[in-house]
Amino acid sequence: MSATSPQTLLERINLSDATRADHSDVVATRRHLHTMPEVGLEEFETAKYIAARLTQLGIQHQQCTPTGLAALLESGKGGPVVMLRSDIDALPITEENTHEYVSRRPGFMHACGHDTHIAMLLGVARRLKSEGLQHGTVKLVFQPGEEGHHGASKMVEAGVMEHPHVDVAYGQHVWAQAPVGQILIEEGPVMAAVDRIHITITGKGTHAAYPHGGHDPIYCAAQMITALQSIVSRNIDPLQPAVVTISMISAGTAHNIIPPTCEMTGTVRVFDAETHGIIRRRIEEISDGIARTLGCEAKLDYLPEHVPVVNDARVAAIVREEAVAIVGASNVLANQKTMGAEDMSDFLKLVPGAYAFIGAQNKDKGCFYPHHHPKFNIDEDALAIGAELMYRVAQRLLKT
């Protein structure tokens, strides 16, 4: 590079020589995984690949669930057990990118970045193994089924937090909403609790030409949806974030029939328990009250799915310090809160820990589509930043 050539991002920031040396291998691992996406709880080839890599590195590991793995790196000395976690599943999305490592499995795609998470954790595992641990134990967790399949809770039920008992947990996510070179970390709740709601409305079917002869569950559903949207705007403190969304509705078989039933499915997203309680109560009251008013019955199935992802203040402070050391204080942000959910929460409700976002957007490289989009892609410079951060955080936590 000539004296007048501008430095690249990875040349400007503070990366260790080991991370720089490993970067091409981590990228290659990510690209290989990207070609072979598997959806939640069906990640059999992905799990085999991870197991083979761990065996190659000489790292002891075991299968916790049919596609979930845990591996141990031990110092043989006292110290905490630090869990480093990666999710491994893809999504049922047909990829629309044209790069050379596009998905080879039609209808499936790593459209959220979990391929990058695996690659980074394997890179960190290689480095920790080669250097050896001076203190404590690192437990590497490769978790299946994050995308709505409760993979974390299945791993917990299988005993992943024990033998040895995990003291602190850390995870991270590449983030398409932030430019590459930024890291987002803050204490407290950072990702929302999520519930699923399903409402079955039973009315009285009739000919569509004679609506007065029945009780229309579709009309009832329409009134119900309108009223449910008022919960956030009229029952919740405007300073408390909350979402109530009806995202699916199903009813009817023909244009001239008012059906006897209508079904609706939706989601609730909140951060705090008080708001959570208000929303649940109001959904029950609104669905029952409107249904009875219109001569129908409503059966509500309210299914809690995940608690919020809550970052421990001490661990978040450590992550922030290491992030600043890598990319500088101006590139470490605290505006991390999102109404999206993550089952990392199932680990963090059991032990202190933190979850960080690694900026991965770069419009100049065409990397600006959101997560779960058929053209989702990331600036792979984020892999070096994420691997460096995870390694540094692990070393800090091993000493505390």
Protein backbone atom coordinates (compact mmCIF):
# COMPACT_ATOMS: atom_id res chain seq x y z
CA MET A 1 0.00 0.00 0.00
CA SER A 2 1.38 3.39 -0.91
CA ALA A 3 1.73 6.16 1.64
CA THR A 4 -1.22 7.98 0.15
CA SER A 5 -3.59 5.00 0.00
CA PRO A 6 -6.47 5.21 2.49
CA GLN A 7 -6.47 2.59 5.20
CA THR A 8 -9.17 -0.05 5.20
CA LEU A 9 -11.42 -0.45 8.23
CA LEU A 10 -9.54 -3.49 9.50
CA GLU A 11 -6.25 -1.61 9.17
CA ARG A 12 -7.57 1.35 11.16
CA ILE A 13 -9.00 -0.51 14.16
CA ASN A 14 -7.21 -2.29 16.98
CA LEU A 15 -7.14 -5.99 16.08
CA SER A 16 -4.64 -8.51 17.41
CA ASP A 17 -2.25 -10.19 15.02
CA ALA A 18 -3.96 -13.51 15.71
CA THR A 19 -7.35 -12.17 14.61
CA ARG A 20 -5.85 -10.70 11.46
CA ALA A 21 -4.13 -13.99 10.67
CA ASP A 22 -7.32 -16.01 11.23
CA HIS A 23 -9.67 -13.68 9.37
CA SER A 24 -9.52 -15.38 5.97
CA ASP A 25 -10.20 -18.77 7.57
CA VAL A 26 -13.18 -17.40 9.51
CA VAL A 27 -14.57 -15.88 6.30
CA ALA A 28 -14.08 -19.16 4.44
CA THR A 29 -15.89 -21.04 7.22
CA ARG A 30 -18.78 -18.59 7.07
CA ARG A 31 -19.07 -18.91 3.29
CA HIS A 32 -19.05 -22.69 3.43
CA LEU A 33 -21.79 -22.69 6.07
CA HIS A 34 -23.78 -20.19 4.01
CA THR A 35 -24.05 -22.71 1.17
CA MET A 36 -25.60 -25.38 3.44
CA PRO A 37 -28.40 -23.74 5.46
CA GLU A 38 -30.67 -25.87 7.63
CA VAL A 39 -33.72 -24.69 9.55
CA GLY A 40 -34.43 -25.01 13.25
CA LEU A 41 -33.89 -28.40 14.91
CA GLU A 42 -32.97 -29.93 11.54
CA GLU A 43 -29.35 -28.72 11.47
CA PHE A 44 -27.89 -32.24 11.23
CA GLU A 45 -25.22 -31.53 8.60
CA THR A 46 -24.34 -28.25 10.29
CA ALA A 47 -23.87 -30.04 13.61
CA LYS A 48 -21.70 -32.69 11.93
CA TYR A 49 -19.56 -29.96 10.40
CA ILE A 50 -19.12 -28.20 13.76
CA ALA A 51 -18.28 -31.49 15.49
CA ALA A 52 -15.68 -32.31 12.82
CA ARG A 53 -14.05 -28.91 13.22
CA LEU A 54 -13.95 -29.27 17.01
CA THR A 55 -12.43 -32.74 16.68
CA GLN A 56 -9.84 -31.35 14.27
CA LEU A 57 -8.95 -28.71 16.86
CA GLY A 58 -8.67 -31.33 19.59
CA ILE A 59 -11.53 -29.81 21.59
CA GLN A 60 -13.65 -32.10 23.74
CA HIS A 61 -17.33 -31.86 22.84
CA GLN A 62 -20.64 -33.63 23.18
CA GLN A 63 -24.09 -33.62 21.64
CA CYS A 64 -26.68 -32.15 24.03
CA THR A 65 -29.71 -32.34 21.75
CA PRO A 66 -30.05 -33.97 18.31
CA THR A 67 -28.40 -30.93 16.69
CA GLY A 68 -27.03 -28.96 19.64
CA LEU A 69 -23.42 -29.23 20.80
CA ALA A 70 -21.36 -28.10 23.76
CA ALA A 71 -17.57 -28.14 23.99
CA LEU A 72 -15.16 -27.54 26.85
CA LEU A 73 -11.81 -25.81 27.09
CA GLU A 74 -10.35 -26.25 30.57
CA SER A 75 -7.36 -24.66 32.28
CA GLY A 76 -7.19 -27.25 35.03
CA LYS A 77 -7.09 -24.37 37.47
CA GLY A 78 -9.71 -22.53 39.46
CA GLY A 79 -11.85 -19.83 37.95
CA PRO A 80 -15.26 -19.20 36.45
CA VAL A 81 -17.00 -21.20 33.75
CA VAL A 82 -17.62 -18.81 30.86
CA MET A 83 -20.18 -19.78 28.24
CA LEU A 84 -19.74 -18.49 24.68
CA ARG A 85 -22.86 -19.09 22.60
CA SER A 86 -23.65 -19.24 18.89
CA ASP A 87 -26.97 -20.07 17.27
CA ILE A 88 -26.73 -22.28 14.17
CA ASP A 89 -30.07 -22.40 12.32
CA ALA A 90 -31.13 -20.80 9.04
CA LEU A 91 -34.54 -19.73 7.68
CA PRO A 92 -37.08 -21.04 5.13
CA ILE A 93 -36.27 -18.27 2.64
CA THR A 94 -35.18 -18.57 -0.99
CA GLU A 95 -31.96 -16.62 -1.42
CA GLU A 96 -31.85 -13.92 -4.12
CA ASN A 97 -28.15 -13.06 -3.89
CA THR A 98 -25.77 -14.00 -6.70
CA HIS A 99 -22.41 -14.28 -4.94
CA GLU A 100 -20.37 -17.45 -5.35
CA TYR A 101 -21.32 -18.84 -1.92
CA VAL A 102 -25.10 -18.53 -2.38
CA SER A 103 -27.28 -21.18 -0.70
CA ARG A 104 -27.25 -24.51 -2.52
CA ARG A 105 -30.49 -25.56 -0.88
CA PRO A 106 -33.50 -23.98 -2.62
CA GLY A 107 -35.99 -22.55 -0.18
CA PHE A 108 -33.47 -22.20 2.65
CA MET A 109 -31.03 -19.43 3.49
CA HIS A 110 -28.82 -18.09 6.27
CA ALA A 111 -30.76 -14.82 6.19
CA CYS A 112 -30.07 -13.79 9.77
CA GLY A 113 -26.33 -14.27 10.09
CA HIS A 114 -26.10 -17.40 12.19
CA ASP A 115 -23.50 -18.74 9.75
CA THR A 116 -21.28 -15.85 10.82
CA HIS A 117 -21.88 -16.63 14.49
CA ILE A 118 -20.70 -20.23 14.03
CA ALA A 119 -17.64 -19.11 12.10
CA MET A 120 -16.64 -16.54 14.72
CA LEU A 121 -17.08 -18.96 17.62
CA LEU A 122 -15.05 -21.64 15.86
CA GLY A 123 -12.33 -19.05 15.21
CA VAL A 124 -12.29 -18.01 18.86
CA ALA A 125 -12.26 -21.69 19.91
CA ARG A 126 -9.19 -22.34 17.76
CA ARG A 127 -7.36 -19.39 19.29
CA LEU A 128 -8.25 -20.24 22.87
CA LYS A 129 -7.23 -23.86 22.32
CA SER A 130 -3.89 -22.95 20.73
CA GLU A 131 -3.00 -20.42 23.42
CA GLY A 132 -4.32 -22.44 26.36
CA LEU A 133 -6.33 -21.05 29.26
CA GLN A 134 -4.65 -19.51 32.28
CA HIS A 135 -7.80 -19.53 34.39
CA GLY A 136 -11.19 -21.17 34.53
CA THR A 137 -13.17 -22.98 31.84
CA VAL A 138 -14.78 -21.96 28.57
CA LYS A 139 -17.94 -23.74 27.46
CA LEU A 140 -18.64 -23.34 23.75
CA VAL A 141 -22.35 -23.72 22.99
CA PHE A 142 -23.65 -24.22 19.45
CA GLN A 143 -27.40 -23.86 19.85
CA PRO A 144 -30.00 -25.03 17.31
CA GLY A 145 -33.50 -23.69 16.74
CA GLU A 146 -33.21 -20.02 17.68
CA GLU A 147 -35.72 -18.94 15.02
CA GLY A 148 -38.87 -19.73 16.96
CA HIS A 149 -38.07 -23.34 17.86
CA HIS A 150 -37.07 -22.81 21.52
CA GLY A 151 -33.63 -24.30 20.96
CA ALA A 152 -32.11 -22.58 23.99
CA SER A 153 -34.70 -23.98 26.40
CA LYS A 154 -34.15 -27.45 24.91
CA MET A 155 -30.41 -27.08 25.53
CA VAL A 156 -31.09 -25.95 29.10
CA GLU A 157 -33.38 -28.94 29.67
CA ALA A 158 -30.60 -31.17 28.34
CA GLY A 159 -28.26 -29.80 31.03
CA VAL A 160 -26.02 -27.48 29.02
CA MET A 161 -25.75 -25.04 31.93
CA GLU A 162 -24.34 -27.74 34.20
CA HIS A 163 -21.40 -30.19 34.27
CA PRO A 164 -19.68 -27.84 34.88
CA HIS A 165 -22.09 -25.17 36.05
CA VAL A 166 -21.97 -22.01 33.91
CA ASP A 167 -21.17 -18.84 35.86
CA VAL A 168 -21.47 -16.21 33.14
CA ALA A 169 -22.66 -16.20 29.50
CA TYR A 170 -21.83 -14.10 26.48
CA GLY A 171 -23.29 -13.99 22.98
CA GLN A 172 -23.41 -11.59 20.05
CA HIS A 173 -25.22 -10.99 16.78
CA VAL A 174 -24.11 -9.40 13.53
CA TRP A 175 -26.43 -6.46 12.99
CA ALA A 176 -27.52 -5.22 9.57
CA GLN A 177 -29.05 -2.07 11.04
CA ALA A 178 -25.67 -0.67 12.14
CA PRO A 179 -22.68 0.13 9.90
CA VAL A 180 -19.66 -2.13 10.05
CA GLY A 181 -17.20 -0.77 12.58
CA GLN A 182 -19.86 -0.05 15.21
CA ILE A 183 -20.63 -2.19 18.27
CA LEU A 184 -23.85 -1.85 20.26
CA ILE A 185 -23.91 -2.78 23.94
CA GLU A 186 -25.85 -1.54 26.96
CA GLU A 187 -26.99 -2.84 30.32
CA GLY A 188 -30.53 -3.88 31.21
CA PRO A 189 -33.22 -5.20 28.87
CA VAL A 190 -32.11 -4.99 25.23
CA MET A 191 -34.42 -7.39 23.39
CA ALA A 192 -38.10 -7.78 24.09
CA ALA A 193 -40.13 -10.50 25.71
CA VAL A 194 -42.32 -12.20 23.13
CA ASP A 195 -45.69 -13.92 23.46
CA ARG A 196 -47.84 -15.57 20.82
CA ILE A 197 -51.60 -15.07 20.79
CA HIS A 198 -54.14 -17.18 18.94
CA ILE A 199 -57.84 -16.27 18.96
CA THR A 200 -60.55 -18.57 17.62
CA ILE A 201 -63.84 -16.78 17.03
CA THR A 202 -66.93 -18.96 16.73
CA GLY A 203 -70.06 -17.43 15.28
CA LYS A 204 -72.94 -18.81 13.22
CA GLY A 205 -72.44 -19.43 9.53
CA THR A 206 -74.98 -18.39 6.94
CA HIS A 207 -75.42 -17.47 3.28
CA ALA A 208 -73.52 -14.27 2.49
CA ALA A 209 -76.71 -12.82 0.93
CA TYR A 210 -78.52 -13.16 4.26
CA PRO A 211 -76.06 -11.96 6.92
CA HIS A 212 -78.85 -11.33 9.41
CA GLY A 213 -79.32 -15.09 9.63
CA GLY A 214 -75.96 -15.67 11.32
CA HIS A 215 -73.25 -14.18 13.50
CA ASP A 216 -70.33 -13.15 11.32
CA PRO A 217 -66.95 -14.12 12.88
CA ILE A 218 -65.03 -12.22 10.19
CA TYR A 219 -66.78 -8.96 11.03
CA CYS A 220 -66.15 -9.77 14.70
CA ALA A 221 -62.45 -10.29 13.94
CA ALA A 222 -62.27 -6.95 12.13
CA GLN A 223 -63.70 -5.11 15.12
CA MET A 224 -61.43 -7.05 17.43
CA ILE A 225 -58.28 -6.20 15.45
CA THR A 226 -59.16 -2.51 15.49
CA ALA A 227 -59.70 -2.58 19.24
CA LEU A 228 -56.54 -4.58 19.95
CA GLN A 229 -54.49 -1.91 18.19
CA SER A 230 -55.75 0.60 20.76
CA ILE A 231 -54.09 -1.19 23.67
CA VAL A 232 -50.65 0.29 23.10
CA SER A 233 -51.93 3.78 22.27
CA ARG A 234 -54.54 4.02 25.03
CA ASN A 235 -53.62 1.65 27.87
CA ILE A 236 -49.82 1.74 27.94
CA ASP A 237 -47.57 4.53 29.23
CA PRO A 238 -46.22 6.23 26.08
CA LEU A 239 -42.71 5.99 27.55
CA GLN A 240 -42.93 2.19 27.71
CA PRO A 241 -42.25 0.39 24.41
CA ALA A 242 -44.79 -2.26 23.45
CA VAL A 243 -46.17 -3.98 20.36
CA VAL A 244 -49.42 -5.82 19.71
CA THR A 245 -49.60 -7.17 16.15
CA ILE A 246 -52.14 -9.47 14.50
CA SER A 247 -50.16 -11.02 11.67
CA MET A 248 -52.35 -13.91 10.47
CA ILE A 249 -56.08 -14.28 9.88
CA SER A 250 -57.86 -17.25 8.38
CA ALA A 251 -61.54 -17.78 7.60
CA GLY A 252 -63.97 -18.77 4.89
CA THR A 253 -64.20 -21.16 1.96
CA ALA A 254 -66.28 -19.29 -0.67
CA HIS A 255 -67.38 -15.80 -1.67
CA ASN A 256 -71.04 -16.48 -0.84
CA ILE A 257 -70.64 -18.10 2.58
CA ILE A 258 -70.25 -16.42 5.94
CA PRO A 259 -68.19 -19.05 7.77
CA PRO A 260 -68.85 -20.26 11.29
CA THR A 261 -65.30 -19.60 12.54
CA CYS A 262 -62.37 -17.25 12.09
CA GLU A 263 -58.87 -17.62 13.52
CA MET A 264 -56.27 -14.95 14.23
CA THR A 265 -52.66 -15.20 15.31
CA GLY A 266 -50.36 -12.45 16.49
CA THR A 267 -47.52 -11.40 18.74
CA VAL A 268 -46.95 -9.26 21.83
CA ARG A 269 -43.58 -7.60 22.53
CA VAL A 270 -42.72 -5.84 25.80
CA PHE A 271 -39.79 -5.15 28.12
CA ASP A 272 -41.28 -4.79 31.62
CA ALA A 273 -43.60 -6.97 33.70
CA GLU A 274 -46.22 -4.29 34.45
CA THR A 275 -46.75 -3.51 30.77
CA HIS A 276 -46.85 -7.22 30.07
CA GLY A 277 -49.65 -7.73 32.58
CA ILE A 278 -51.74 -4.83 31.24
CA ILE A 279 -51.52 -6.05 27.66
CA ARG A 280 -52.50 -9.61 28.53
CA ARG A 281 -55.47 -8.45 30.60
CA ARG A 282 -56.70 -6.09 27.88
CA ILE A 283 -56.42 -8.74 25.15
CA GLU A 284 -58.57 -11.06 27.26
CA GLU A 285 -61.14 -8.33 27.95
CA ILE A 286 -61.33 -7.06 24.37
CA SER A 287 -61.55 -10.45 22.68
CA ASP A 288 -64.21 -11.72 25.06
CA GLY A 289 -66.21 -8.48 25.19
CA ILE A 290 -66.40 -7.85 21.44
CA ALA A 291 -67.21 -11.47 20.69
CA ARG A 292 -70.11 -11.53 23.15
CA THR A 293 -71.40 -8.17 21.89
CA LEU A 294 -71.59 -9.56 18.34
CA GLY A 295 -73.13 -12.89 19.26
CA CYS A 296 -69.90 -14.87 18.96
CA GLU A 297 -67.54 -16.66 21.28
CA ALA A 298 -63.78 -16.09 21.48
CA LYS A 299 -61.24 -18.61 22.70
CA LEU A 300 -57.88 -17.00 23.48
CA ASP A 301 -54.70 -19.04 23.66
CA TYR A 302 -52.01 -16.81 25.17
CA LEU A 303 -48.61 -18.46 24.86
CA PRO A 304 -45.57 -16.86 26.54
CA GLU A 305 -42.49 -17.66 24.44
CA HIS A 306 -39.45 -15.71 25.64
CA VAL A 307 -38.56 -13.38 28.47
CA PRO A 308 -36.54 -10.25 27.62
CA VAL A 309 -32.81 -10.43 26.93
CA VAL A 310 -31.36 -8.59 29.94
CA ASN A 311 -27.70 -7.60 30.04
CA ASP A 312 -25.99 -7.72 33.41
CA ALA A 313 -24.48 -4.32 34.22
CA ARG A 314 -21.04 -5.65 35.19
CA VAL A 315 -20.70 -7.88 32.15
CA ALA A 316 -22.03 -5.20 29.80
CA ALA A 317 -19.42 -2.78 31.18
CA ILE A 318 -16.66 -5.30 30.40
CA VAL A 319 -17.98 -5.76 26.87
CA ARG A 320 -18.13 -2.01 26.38
CA GLU A 321 -14.54 -1.53 27.59
CA GLU A 322 -13.26 -4.16 25.17
CA ALA A 323 -15.39 -2.79 22.33
CA VAL A 324 -13.95 0.69 22.88
CA ALA A 325 -10.45 -0.77 22.83
CA ILE A 326 -11.16 -2.28 19.39
CA VAL A 327 -13.18 0.35 17.48
CA GLY A 328 -12.96 3.49 19.64
CA ALA A 329 -15.48 5.13 21.96
CA SER A 330 -17.28 7.00 19.18
CA ASN A 331 -18.17 3.69 17.53
CA VAL A 332 -19.56 1.97 20.63
CA LEU A 333 -23.23 2.83 21.06
CA ALA A 334 -25.81 2.17 23.73
CA ASN A 335 -28.94 2.41 21.58
CA GLN A 336 -29.29 -1.36 21.43
CA LYS A 337 -32.94 -1.88 22.38
CA THR A 338 -35.03 -3.71 19.81
CA MET A 339 -38.52 -5.22 19.89
CA GLY A 340 -37.06 -8.31 18.29
CA ALA A 341 -36.64 -11.35 20.51
CA GLU A 342 -33.81 -13.81 21.06
CA ASP A 343 -33.75 -17.01 23.06
CA MET A 344 -30.36 -16.07 24.46
CA SER A 345 -32.77 -14.82 27.13
CA ASP A 346 -33.24 -18.42 28.32
CA PHE A 347 -29.56 -18.51 29.28
CA LEU A 348 -29.37 -14.98 30.68
CA LYS A 349 -32.32 -15.52 33.00
CA LEU A 350 -30.26 -18.23 34.70
CA VAL A 351 -26.83 -16.58 34.90
CA PRO A 352 -25.45 -13.07 34.45
CA GLY A 353 -24.13 -12.22 31.03
CA ALA A 354 -24.47 -9.96 28.03
CA TYR A 355 -25.50 -9.89 24.39
CA ALA A 356 -23.92 -7.44 21.94
CA PHE A 357 -24.61 -6.39 18.35
CA ILE A 358 -21.79 -6.19 15.80
CA GLY A 359 -22.45 -3.68 13.00
CA ALA A 360 -22.37 -5.40 9.59
CA GLN A 361 -23.98 -2.95 7.16
CA ASN A 362 -22.02 -1.50 4.25
CA LYS A 363 -24.01 0.12 1.45
CA ASP A 364 -20.92 0.41 -0.75
CA LYS A 365 -20.68 -3.40 -0.76
CA GLY A 366 -24.42 -3.91 -1.26
CA CYS A 367 -24.86 -5.05 2.34
CA PHE A 368 -27.90 -3.08 3.45
CA TYR A 369 -30.85 -5.46 3.32
CA PRO A 370 -32.43 -6.28 6.70
CA HIS A 371 -32.30 -9.58 8.51
CA HIS A 372 -34.71 -12.21 7.10
CA HIS A 373 -34.61 -10.61 3.64
CA PRO A 374 -33.82 -12.82 0.59
CA LYS A 375 -30.91 -10.49 -0.26
CA PHE A 376 -29.53 -10.26 3.28
CA ASN A 377 -25.73 -10.14 3.34
CA ILE A 378 -23.07 -8.68 5.61
CA ASP A 379 -19.75 -6.92 5.30
CA GLU A 380 -17.41 -9.73 6.32
CA ASP A 381 -15.08 -7.26 8.05
CA ALA A 382 -17.61 -7.63 10.87
CA LEU A 383 -16.34 -11.17 11.42
CA ALA A 384 -12.91 -9.93 12.48
CA ILE A 385 -14.43 -7.36 14.83
CA GLY A 386 -16.82 -9.90 16.34
CA ALA A 387 -14.15 -12.56 16.77
CA GLU A 388 -11.78 -10.08 18.42
CA LEU A 389 -14.50 -8.87 20.77
CA MET A 390 -15.61 -12.36 21.77
CA TYR A 391 -12.03 -13.42 22.45
CA ARG A 392 -11.29 -10.34 24.56
CA VAL A 393 -14.54 -10.63 26.53
CA ALA A 394 -13.86 -14.31 27.22
CA GLN A 395 -10.38 -13.51 28.57
CA ARG A 396 -11.75 -10.74 30.78
CA LEU A 397 -14.52 -12.92 32.17
CA LEU A 398 -12.11 -15.78 32.89
CA LYS A 399 -10.21 -13.47 35.24
CA THR A 400 -13.22 -12.26 37.23
